[in-house]
């Protein structure tokens, strides 16, 4: 089941990232982040209302959940920043390589998955990097190549998300699947609100279509987090995170299928590597 949950998280995050691109282009990165976090918080709270009762873990566990939420907030802000100022084909694979950080931390703290599964996790991560980094179109047509803008932010994303997703395995058993997600959403919503207040920018008014897109992103993002946390209870953290890191490949495939963006030959190689990795992880 951990494999299914990891793939579900990847699918939901991949679709959400594809949709949120339209939202960010319509209303701006800051406002898109704010509305998505607010609605994701409400969606998580609604799920908790359907399952009444609060956990009673130690103060240390709650403190760790808050630290994880703050790390995730920094990673999310850096992610939006890197996508806003950097070359997507360059910063996306760096950011999505958070699975490498999580896997290394999991191995360092005692996880010992089967050799085939570990090899599959490595292939999954490598496939995501290949698919994300291969460029579309002809690079010899006179357009300027990618710059290093956004790369430091993307490296920050890799480490923040890698640490946060690894640490979630230490709070999920005590807090359950939903409470860590709510903690993350509360802090990210507060962070987005403080960002707006600091910029002295009131939230923009959304059209009906944009509301629909924002709601869709919030629901998908919430489902992805829930699936990821469920996966942590049934499989190794390194394996679930490797599967979840497929989200960037999902986004690129959606762009190819729905926006008619063609895949470069190197990206097809990446897709093949990803499928092989899924097979090995599933053994």
C-alpha atoms as a PDB file:
ATOM      1  CA  UNK A   1       0.000   0.000   0.000  1.00  0.00           C
ATOM      2  CA  UNK A   2       2.912   2.356   0.629  1.00  0.00           C
ATOM      3  CA  UNK A   3       3.752   2.232  -3.081  1.00  0.00           C
ATOM      4  CA  UNK A   4       0.176   3.129  -4.017  1.00  0.00           C
ATOM      5  CA  UNK A   5       0.127   6.017  -1.539  1.00  0.00           C
ATOM      6  CA  UNK A   6       3.453   7.339  -2.834  1.00  0.00           C
ATOM      7  CA  UNK A   7       2.239   7.245  -6.436  1.00  0.00           C
ATOM      8  CA  UNK A   8      -1.033   8.899  -5.417  1.00  0.00           C
ATOM      9  CA  UNK A   9       0.910  11.732  -3.777  1.00  0.00           C
ATOM     10  CA  UNK A  10       3.016  12.150  -6.921  1.00  0.00           C
ATOM     11  CA  UNK A  11      -0.042  12.211  -9.174  1.00  0.00           C
ATOM     12  CA  UNK A  12      -1.880  14.759  -7.020  1.00  0.00           C
ATOM     13  CA  UNK A  13       1.125  17.021  -6.574  1.00  0.00           C
ATOM     14  CA  UNK A  14       1.958  16.800 -10.276  1.00  0.00           C
ATOM     15  CA  UNK A  15      -1.559  17.800 -11.354  1.00  0.00           C
ATOM     16  CA  UNK A  16      -1.692  20.527  -8.691  1.00  0.00           C
ATOM     17  CA  UNK A  17       1.586  22.046  -9.900  1.00  0.00           C
ATOM     18  CA  UNK A  18       0.314  21.992 -13.477  1.00  0.00           C
ATOM     19  CA  UNK A  19      -2.908  23.778 -12.507  1.00  0.00           C
ATOM     20  CA  UNK A  20      -1.300  26.256 -10.107  1.00  0.00           C
ATOM     21  CA  UNK A  21       0.843  27.531 -12.966  1.00  0.00           C
ATOM     22  CA  UNK A  22      -2.296  28.984 -14.544  1.00  0.00           C
ATOM     23  CA  UNK A  23      -3.370  30.472 -11.216  1.00  0.00           C
ATOM     24  CA  UNK A  24       0.026  32.077 -10.579  1.00  0.00           C
ATOM     25  CA  UNK A  25       0.094  33.564 -14.065  1.00  0.00           C
ATOM     26  CA  UNK A  26      -3.399  34.969 -13.582  1.00  0.00           C
ATOM     27  CA  UNK A  27      -3.090  36.511 -10.101  1.00  0.00           C
ATOM     28  CA  UNK A  28       0.625  36.388  -9.241  1.00  0.00           C
ATOM     29  CA  UNK A  29       2.764  34.024  -7.191  1.00  0.00           C
ATOM     30  CA  UNK A  30       2.132  35.676  -3.811  1.00  0.00           C
ATOM     31  CA  UNK A  31      -1.651  35.666  -4.107  1.00  0.00           C
ATOM     32  CA  UNK A  32      -1.720  32.139  -5.524  1.00  0.00           C
ATOM     33  CA  UNK A  33       0.317  30.882  -2.563  1.00  0.00           C
ATOM     34  CA  UNK A  34      -1.945  32.652  -0.077  1.00  0.00           C
ATOM     35  CA  UNK A  35      -5.240  31.350  -1.475  1.00  0.00           C
ATOM     36  CA  UNK A  36      -3.982  27.784  -1.953  1.00  0.00           C
ATOM     37  CA  UNK A  37      -2.702  27.613   1.627  1.00  0.00           C
ATOM     38  CA  UNK A  38      -5.936  29.048   3.046  1.00  0.00           C
ATOM     39  CA  UNK A  39      -8.155  26.599   1.203  1.00  0.00           C
ATOM     40  CA  UNK A  40      -5.825  23.680   1.923  1.00  0.00           C
ATOM     41  CA  UNK A  41      -6.058  24.539   5.625  1.00  0.00           C
ATOM     42  CA  UNK A  42      -9.856  24.552   5.433  1.00  0.00           C
ATOM     43  CA  UNK A  43      -9.891  21.244   3.537  1.00  0.00           C
ATOM     44  CA  UNK A  44      -7.682  19.595   6.158  1.00  0.00           C
ATOM     45  CA  UNK A  45      -9.801  21.017   8.985  1.00  0.00           C
ATOM     46  CA  UNK A  46     -12.934  19.623   7.323  1.00  0.00           C
ATOM     47  CA  UNK A  47     -11.359  16.166   7.198  1.00  0.00           C
ATOM     48  CA  UNK A  48     -10.507  16.413  10.887  1.00  0.00           C
ATOM     49  CA  UNK A  49     -14.086  17.401  11.742  1.00  0.00           C
ATOM     50  CA  UNK A  50     -15.240  14.220  10.051  1.00  0.00           C
ATOM     51  CA  UNK A  51     -12.969  12.304  12.432  1.00  0.00           C
ATOM     52  CA  UNK A  52     -13.451  13.948  15.855  1.00  0.00           C
ATOM     53  CA  UNK A  53     -10.867  13.534  18.556  1.00  0.00           C
ATOM     54  CA  UNK A  54      -7.426  15.000  19.039  1.00  0.00           C
ATOM     55  CA  UNK A  55      -4.206  13.110  19.748  1.00  0.00           C
ATOM     56  CA  UNK A  56      -2.373  13.602  23.014  1.00  0.00           C
ATOM     57  CA  UNK A  57       1.310  13.248  22.169  1.00  0.00           C
ATOM     58  CA  UNK A  58       4.170  14.762  24.116  1.00  0.00           C
ATOM     59  CA  UNK A  59       5.075  18.426  23.947  1.00  0.00           C
ATOM     60  CA  UNK A  60       8.233  17.416  22.111  1.00  0.00           C
ATOM     61  CA  UNK A  61       6.200  15.825  19.325  1.00  0.00           C
ATOM     62  CA  UNK A  62       4.103  18.962  18.860  1.00  0.00           C
ATOM     63  CA  UNK A  63       7.275  21.052  18.906  1.00  0.00           C
ATOM     64  CA  UNK A  64       8.796  18.856  16.205  1.00  0.00           C
ATOM     65  CA  UNK A  65       5.616  19.207  14.127  1.00  0.00           C
ATOM     66  CA  UNK A  66       5.913  22.988  14.368  1.00  0.00           C
ATOM     67  CA  UNK A  67       9.577  22.870  13.352  1.00  0.00           C
ATOM     68  CA  UNK A  68       8.674  20.665  10.370  1.00  0.00           C
ATOM     69  CA  UNK A  69       5.955  23.143   9.395  1.00  0.00           C
ATOM     70  CA  UNK A  70       8.384  26.064   9.540  1.00  0.00           C
ATOM     71  CA  UNK A  71      10.934  24.185   7.426  1.00  0.00           C
ATOM     72  CA  UNK A  72       8.200  23.310   4.936  1.00  0.00           C
ATOM     73  CA  UNK A  73       7.111  26.973   4.846  1.00  0.00           C
ATOM     74  CA  UNK A  74      10.629  28.094   3.977  1.00  0.00           C
ATOM     75  CA  UNK A  75      10.836  25.404   1.304  1.00  0.00           C
ATOM     76  CA  UNK A  76       7.480  26.418  -0.188  1.00  0.00           C
ATOM     77  CA  UNK A  77       8.424  30.096  -0.346  1.00  0.00           C
ATOM     78  CA  UNK A  78      11.761  29.233  -1.934  1.00  0.00           C
ATOM     79  CA  UNK A  79       9.969  26.988  -4.425  1.00  0.00           C
ATOM     80  CA  UNK A  80       7.641  29.770  -5.555  1.00  0.00           C
ATOM     81  CA  UNK A  81      10.584  32.154  -5.706  1.00  0.00           C
ATOM     82  CA  UNK A  82      12.770  29.807  -7.757  1.00  0.00           C
ATOM     83  CA  UNK A  83       9.975  29.151 -10.240  1.00  0.00           C
ATOM     84  CA  UNK A  84       9.269  32.882 -10.512  1.00  0.00           C
ATOM     85  CA  UNK A  85      12.823  34.047 -11.288  1.00  0.00           C
ATOM     86  CA  UNK A  86      14.611  30.954 -12.592  1.00  0.00           C
ATOM     87  CA  UNK A  87      14.603  28.746 -15.665  1.00  0.00           C
ATOM     88  CA  UNK A  88      12.066  26.014 -14.922  1.00  0.00           C
ATOM     89  CA  UNK A  89      13.992  23.302 -16.777  1.00  0.00           C
ATOM     90  CA  UNK A  90      16.988  24.024 -14.546  1.00  0.00           C
ATOM     91  CA  UNK A  91      15.474  24.703 -11.120  1.00  0.00           C
ATOM     92  CA  UNK A  92      12.701  22.071 -11.239  1.00  0.00           C
ATOM     93  CA  UNK A  93      14.969  18.981 -11.212  1.00  0.00           C
ATOM     94  CA  UNK A  94      17.061  20.485  -8.427  1.00  0.00           C
ATOM     95  CA  UNK A  95      13.988  21.126  -6.286  1.00  0.00           C
ATOM     96  CA  UNK A  96      12.422  17.728  -7.010  1.00  0.00           C
ATOM     97  CA  UNK A  97      15.621  15.978  -5.904  1.00  0.00           C
ATOM     98  CA  UNK A  98      14.495  16.392  -2.277  1.00  0.00           C
ATOM     99  CA  UNK A  99      13.928  12.636  -2.391  1.00  0.00           C
ATOM    100  CA  UNK A 100      17.695  12.165  -2.421  1.00  0.00           C
ATOM    101  CA  UNK A 101      18.048  14.129   0.833  1.00  0.00           C
ATOM    102  CA  UNK A 102      15.196  12.204   2.467  1.00  0.00           C
ATOM    103  CA  UNK A 103      16.587   8.852   1.345  1.00  0.00           C
ATOM    104  CA  UNK A 104      20.071   9.670   2.657  1.00  0.00           C
ATOM    105  CA  UNK A 105      18.671  10.787   6.009  1.00  0.00           C
ATOM    106  CA  UNK A 106      16.494   7.673   6.236  1.00  0.00           C
ATOM    107  CA  UNK A 107      19.455   5.421   5.491  1.00  0.00           C
ATOM    108  CA  UNK A 108      21.611   7.302   8.011  1.00  0.00           C
ATOM    109  CA  UNK A 109      18.990   6.739  10.721  1.00  0.00           C
ATOM    110  CA  UNK A 110      18.645   3.013  10.247  1.00  0.00           C
ATOM    111  CA  UNK A 111      16.305   2.244   7.341  1.00  0.00           C
ATOM    112  CA  UNK A 112      17.366  -0.824   5.392  1.00  0.00           C
ATOM    113  CA  UNK A 113      15.054  -1.365   2.391  1.00  0.00           C
ATOM    114  CA  UNK A 114      15.631  -4.274   0.010  1.00  0.00           C
ATOM    115  CA  UNK A 115      18.391  -3.776  -2.541  1.00  0.00           C
ATOM    116  CA  UNK A 116      15.969  -3.864  -5.472  1.00  0.00           C
ATOM    117  CA  UNK A 117      13.702  -1.305  -3.842  1.00  0.00           C
ATOM    118  CA  UNK A 118      16.641   0.959  -3.056  1.00  0.00           C
ATOM    119  CA  UNK A 119      17.872   0.674  -6.659  1.00  0.00           C
ATOM    120  CA  UNK A 120      14.350   1.489  -7.837  1.00  0.00           C
ATOM    121  CA  UNK A 121      14.269   4.576  -5.632  1.00  0.00           C
ATOM    122  CA  UNK A 122      17.558   5.750  -7.138  1.00  0.00           C
ATOM    123  CA  UNK A 123      16.200   5.182 -10.660  1.00  0.00           C
ATOM    124  CA  UNK A 124      13.005   7.056  -9.843  1.00  0.00           C
ATOM    125  CA  UNK A 125      14.956  10.076  -8.668  1.00  0.00           C
ATOM    126  CA  UNK A 126      17.299   9.885 -11.663  1.00  0.00           C
ATOM    127  CA  UNK A 127      14.337   9.600 -14.035  1.00  0.00           C
ATOM    128  CA  UNK A 128      12.666  12.647 -12.511  1.00  0.00           C
ATOM    129  CA  UNK A 129      15.864  14.655 -13.002  1.00  0.00           C
ATOM    130  CA  UNK A 130      16.252  13.521 -16.630  1.00  0.00           C
ATOM    131  CA  UNK A 131      12.614  14.209 -17.520  1.00  0.00           C
ATOM    132  CA  UNK A 132      12.615  17.605 -15.846  1.00  0.00           C
ATOM    133  CA  UNK A 133      15.973  18.797 -17.095  1.00  0.00           C
ATOM    134  CA  UNK A 134      15.724  17.887 -20.800  1.00  0.00           C
ATOM    135  CA  UNK A 135      14.908  21.035 -22.735  1.00  0.00           C
ATOM    136  CA  UNK A 136      12.024  21.516 -25.155  1.00  0.00           C
ATOM    137  CA  UNK A 137      12.640  22.739 -28.645  1.00  0.00           C
ATOM    138  CA  UNK A 138      15.850  23.623 -30.389  1.00  0.00           C
ATOM    139  CA  UNK A 139      18.505  25.188 -28.216  1.00  0.00           C
ATOM    140  CA  UNK A 140      20.389  26.470 -31.250  1.00  0.00           C
ATOM    141  CA  UNK A 141      17.672  28.867 -32.398  1.00  0.00           C
ATOM    142  CA  UNK A 142      19.399  31.914 -30.959  1.00  0.00           C
ATOM    143  CA  UNK A 143      17.559  32.045 -27.635  1.00  0.00           C
ATOM    144  CA  UNK A 144      19.652  32.585 -24.555  1.00  0.00           C
ATOM    145  CA  UNK A 145      20.330  29.475 -22.508  1.00  0.00           C
ATOM    146  CA  UNK A 146      19.303  29.047 -18.894  1.00  0.00           C
ATOM    147  CA  UNK A 147      20.913  31.274 -16.279  1.00  0.00           C
ATOM    148  CA  UNK A 148      21.764  30.472 -12.680  1.00  0.00           C
ATOM    149  CA  UNK A 149      18.956  32.666 -11.358  1.00  0.00           C
ATOM    150  CA  UNK A 150      16.803  30.670  -8.965  1.00  0.00           C
ATOM    151  CA  UNK A 151      19.367  27.891  -8.510  1.00  0.00           C
ATOM    152  CA  UNK A 152      20.320  28.816  -4.903  1.00  0.00           C
ATOM    153  CA  UNK A 153      16.610  28.925  -4.030  1.00  0.00           C
ATOM    154  CA  UNK A 154      16.030  25.522  -5.682  1.00  0.00           C
ATOM    155  CA  UNK A 155      18.901  24.017  -3.680  1.00  0.00           C
ATOM    156  CA  UNK A 156      17.242  25.412  -0.567  1.00  0.00           C
ATOM    157  CA  UNK A 157      13.970  23.749  -1.606  1.00  0.00           C
ATOM    158  CA  UNK A 158      15.745  20.424  -2.021  1.00  0.00           C
ATOM    159  CA  UNK A 159      17.157  20.506   1.497  1.00  0.00           C
ATOM    160  CA  UNK A 160      14.064  21.958   3.193  1.00  0.00           C
ATOM    161  CA  UNK A 161      11.615  19.472   1.675  1.00  0.00           C
ATOM    162  CA  UNK A 162      14.089  16.606   2.099  1.00  0.00           C
ATOM    163  CA  UNK A 163      14.438  17.259   5.827  1.00  0.00           C
ATOM    164  CA  UNK A 164      10.721  17.986   6.336  1.00  0.00           C
ATOM    165  CA  UNK A 165       9.480  14.822   4.633  1.00  0.00           C
ATOM    166  CA  UNK A 166      12.036  12.699   6.473  1.00  0.00           C
ATOM    167  CA  UNK A 167      11.041  14.204   9.829  1.00  0.00           C
ATOM    168  CA  UNK A 168       7.324  13.622   9.192  1.00  0.00           C
ATOM    169  CA  UNK A 169       7.907   9.938   9.875  1.00  0.00           C
ATOM    170  CA  UNK A 170       8.719  10.848  13.493  1.00  0.00           C
ATOM    171  CA  UNK A 171       5.467  12.701  14.190  1.00  0.00           C
ATOM    172  CA  UNK A 172       2.899  10.847  12.082  1.00  0.00           C
ATOM    173  CA  UNK A 173       2.696   7.769  14.382  1.00  0.00           C
ATOM    174  CA  UNK A 174       1.829   9.992  17.363  1.00  0.00           C
ATOM    175  CA  UNK A 175      -0.222  12.718  15.663  1.00  0.00           C
ATOM    176  CA  UNK A 176      -1.935  10.651  13.014  1.00  0.00           C
ATOM    177  CA  UNK A 177      -2.210  11.386   9.311  1.00  0.00           C
ATOM    178  CA  UNK A 178      -4.110  14.693   9.357  1.00  0.00           C
ATOM    179  CA  UNK A 179      -2.808  16.726  12.306  1.00  0.00           C
ATOM    180  CA  UNK A 180       0.712  17.203  10.875  1.00  0.00           C
ATOM    181  CA  UNK A 181      -0.878  18.385   7.621  1.00  0.00           C
ATOM    182  CA  UNK A 182      -3.048  20.874   9.526  1.00  0.00           C
ATOM    183  CA  UNK A 183      -0.015  22.189  11.401  1.00  0.00           C
ATOM    184  CA  UNK A 184       1.807  22.729   8.105  1.00  0.00           C
ATOM    185  CA  UNK A 185      -1.203  24.486   6.586  1.00  0.00           C
ATOM    186  CA  UNK A 186      -1.739  26.750   9.594  1.00  0.00           C
ATOM    187  CA  UNK A 187       1.845  27.937   9.601  1.00  0.00           C
ATOM    188  CA  UNK A 188       2.002  28.322   5.824  1.00  0.00           C
ATOM    189  CA  UNK A 189      -1.234  30.313   5.819  1.00  0.00           C
ATOM    190  CA  UNK A 190       0.113  32.544   8.594  1.00  0.00           C
ATOM    191  CA  UNK A 191       3.369  32.948   6.679  1.00  0.00           C
ATOM    192  CA  UNK A 192       1.542  33.900   3.480  1.00  0.00           C
ATOM    193  CA  UNK A 193      -0.608  36.394   5.381  1.00  0.00           C
ATOM    194  CA  UNK A 194       2.438  37.979   7.021  1.00  0.00           C
ATOM    195  CA  UNK A 195       4.063  38.165   3.590  1.00  0.00           C
ATOM    196  CA  UNK A 196       1.037  40.041   2.249  1.00  0.00           C
ATOM    197  CA  UNK A 197       1.018  42.393   5.250  1.00  0.00           C
ATOM    198  CA  UNK A 198       4.730  43.052   4.860  1.00  0.00           C
ATOM    199  CA  UNK A 199       4.194  43.866   1.189  1.00  0.00           C
ATOM    200  CA  UNK A 200       1.107  45.916   2.122  1.00  0.00           C
ATOM    201  CA  UNK A 201      -0.751  44.085  -0.623  1.00  0.00           C
ATOM    202  CA  UNK A 202      -4.407  43.133  -0.066  1.00  0.00           C
ATOM    203  CA  UNK A 203      -5.495  39.771  -1.551  1.00  0.00           C
ATOM    204  CA  UNK A 204      -6.791  40.162  -5.094  1.00  0.00           C
ATOM    205  CA  UNK A 205     -10.380  39.307  -5.971  1.00  0.00           C
ATOM    206  CA  UNK A 206     -10.728  36.022  -7.836  1.00  0.00           C
ATOM    207  CA  UNK A 207     -12.966  35.312 -10.789  1.00  0.00           C
ATOM    208  CA  UNK A 208     -15.251  32.289 -10.751  1.00  0.00           C
ATOM    209  CA  UNK A 209     -12.914  30.295 -12.983  1.00  0.00           C
ATOM    210  CA  UNK A 210      -9.877  31.148 -10.878  1.00  0.00           C
ATOM    211  CA  UNK A 211     -11.757  30.141  -7.710  1.00  0.00           C
ATOM    212  CA  UNK A 212     -12.402  26.756  -9.303  1.00  0.00           C
ATOM    213  CA  UNK A 213      -8.731  26.294 -10.141  1.00  0.00           C
ATOM    214  CA  UNK A 214      -7.590  27.352  -6.658  1.00  0.00           C
ATOM    215  CA  UNK A 215     -10.057  24.979  -4.997  1.00  0.00           C
ATOM    216  CA  UNK A 216      -8.867  22.158  -7.235  1.00  0.00           C
ATOM    217  CA  UNK A 217      -5.223  22.826  -6.369  1.00  0.00           C
ATOM    218  CA  UNK A 218      -5.996  22.988  -2.637  1.00  0.00           C
ATOM    219  CA  UNK A 219      -7.888  19.688  -2.678  1.00  0.00           C
ATOM    220  CA  UNK A 220      -5.204  17.926  -4.709  1.00  0.00           C
ATOM    221  CA  UNK A 221      -2.419  19.283  -2.502  1.00  0.00           C
ATOM    222  CA  UNK A 222      -4.261  18.166   0.636  1.00  0.00           C
ATOM    223  CA  UNK A 223      -4.904  14.703  -0.785  1.00  0.00           C
ATOM    224  CA  UNK A 224      -1.237  14.419  -1.718  1.00  0.00           C
ATOM    225  CA  UNK A 225      -0.085  15.195   1.828  1.00  0.00           C
ATOM    226  CA  UNK A 226      -2.605  12.755   3.302  1.00  0.00           C
ATOM    227  CA  UNK A 227      -1.523  10.011   0.892  1.00  0.00           C
ATOM    228  CA  UNK A 228       2.131  10.678   1.676  1.00  0.00           C
ATOM    229  CA  UNK A 229       1.565  10.415   5.424  1.00  0.00           C
ATOM    230  CA  UNK A 230      -0.474   7.243   4.964  1.00  0.00           C
ATOM    231  CA  UNK A 231       2.407   5.820   2.944  1.00  0.00           C
ATOM    232  CA  UNK A 232       4.840   6.493   5.779  1.00  0.00           C
ATOM    233  CA  UNK A 233       2.854   4.091   7.938  1.00  0.00           C
ATOM    234  CA  UNK A 234       3.099   1.212   5.475  1.00  0.00           C
ATOM    235  CA  UNK A 235       6.486   1.524   3.730  1.00  0.00           C
ATOM    236  CA  UNK A 236       9.995   2.904   4.154  1.00  0.00           C
ATOM    237  CA  UNK A 237      10.289   6.688   4.136  1.00  0.00           C
ATOM    238  CA  UNK A 238      12.972   6.525   1.427  1.00  0.00           C
ATOM    239  CA  UNK A 239      10.689   4.544  -0.914  1.00  0.00           C
ATOM    240  CA  UNK A 240       7.538   6.627  -0.367  1.00  0.00           C
ATOM    241  CA  UNK A 241       9.491   9.856  -0.865  1.00  0.00           C
ATOM    242  CA  UNK A 242      11.133   8.561  -4.040  1.00  0.00           C
ATOM    243  CA  UNK A 243       7.710   7.722  -5.466  1.00  0.00           C
ATOM    244  CA  UNK A 244       6.266  11.069  -4.384  1.00  0.00           C
ATOM    245  CA  UNK A 245       9.133  12.884  -6.123  1.00  0.00           C
ATOM    246  CA  UNK A 246       7.634  11.732  -9.430  1.00  0.00           C
ATOM    247  CA  UNK A 247       5.348  14.774  -9.262  1.00  0.00           C
ATOM    248  CA  UNK A 248       7.565  16.871 -11.543  1.00  0.00           C
ATOM    249  CA  UNK A 249       7.479  14.178 -14.224  1.00  0.00           C
ATOM    250  CA  UNK A 250       3.670  14.141 -13.996  1.00  0.00           C
ATOM    251  CA  UNK A 251       3.583  17.904 -14.507  1.00  0.00           C
ATOM    252  CA  UNK A 252       5.778  17.680 -17.610  1.00  0.00           C
ATOM    253  CA  UNK A 253       3.731  14.841 -19.102  1.00  0.00           C
ATOM    254  CA  UNK A 254       0.541  16.862 -18.563  1.00  0.00           C
ATOM    255  CA  UNK A 255       2.118  19.827 -20.326  1.00  0.00           C
ATOM    256  CA  UNK A 256       2.992  17.536 -23.237  1.00  0.00           C
ATOM    257  CA  UNK A 257      -0.441  15.942 -23.435  1.00  0.00           C
ATOM    258  CA  UNK A 258      -2.693  18.945 -22.769  1.00  0.00           C
ATOM    259  CA  UNK A 259      -0.605  21.876 -23.949  1.00  0.00           C
ATOM    260  CA  UNK A 260       0.971  19.968 -26.847  1.00  0.00           C
ATOM    261  CA  UNK A 261       4.476  20.599 -25.571  1.00  0.00           C
ATOM    262  CA  UNK A 262       6.592  17.911 -27.202  1.00  0.00           C
ATOM    263  CA  UNK A 263       8.975  15.762 -25.195  1.00  0.00           C
ATOM    264  CA  UNK A 264      12.651  15.869 -26.038  1.00  0.00           C
ATOM    265  CA  UNK A 265      14.355  12.493 -26.694  1.00  0.00           C
ATOM    266  CA  UNK A 266      16.109  12.735 -23.339  1.00  0.00           C
ATOM    267  CA  UNK A 267      12.760  13.074 -21.598  1.00  0.00           C
ATOM    268  CA  UNK A 268      11.516   9.827 -23.144  1.00  0.00           C
ATOM    269  CA  UNK A 269      14.647   8.192 -21.728  1.00  0.00           C
ATOM    270  CA  UNK A 270      13.705   9.629 -18.351  1.00  0.00           C
ATOM    271  CA  UNK A 271      10.176   8.207 -18.607  1.00  0.00           C
ATOM    272  CA  UNK A 272      11.626   4.758 -19.307  1.00  0.00           C
ATOM    273  CA  UNK A 273      13.956   5.036 -16.315  1.00  0.00           C
ATOM    274  CA  UNK A 274      11.014   6.063 -14.129  1.00  0.00           C
ATOM    275  CA  UNK A 275       8.915   3.071 -15.224  1.00  0.00           C
ATOM    276  CA  UNK A 276      11.818   0.734 -14.479  1.00  0.00           C
ATOM    277  CA  UNK A 277      12.180   2.336 -11.068  1.00  0.00           C
ATOM    278  CA  UNK A 278       8.475   1.843 -10.314  1.00  0.00           C
ATOM    279  CA  UNK A 279       8.824  -1.826 -11.253  1.00  0.00           C
ATOM    280  CA  UNK A 280      11.808  -2.342  -8.941  1.00  0.00           C
ATOM    281  CA  UNK A 281      10.170  -0.519  -6.031  1.00  0.00           C
ATOM    282  CA  UNK A 282       7.057  -2.653  -6.484  1.00  0.00           C
ATOM    283  CA  UNK A 283       8.920  -5.970  -6.277  1.00  0.00           C
END
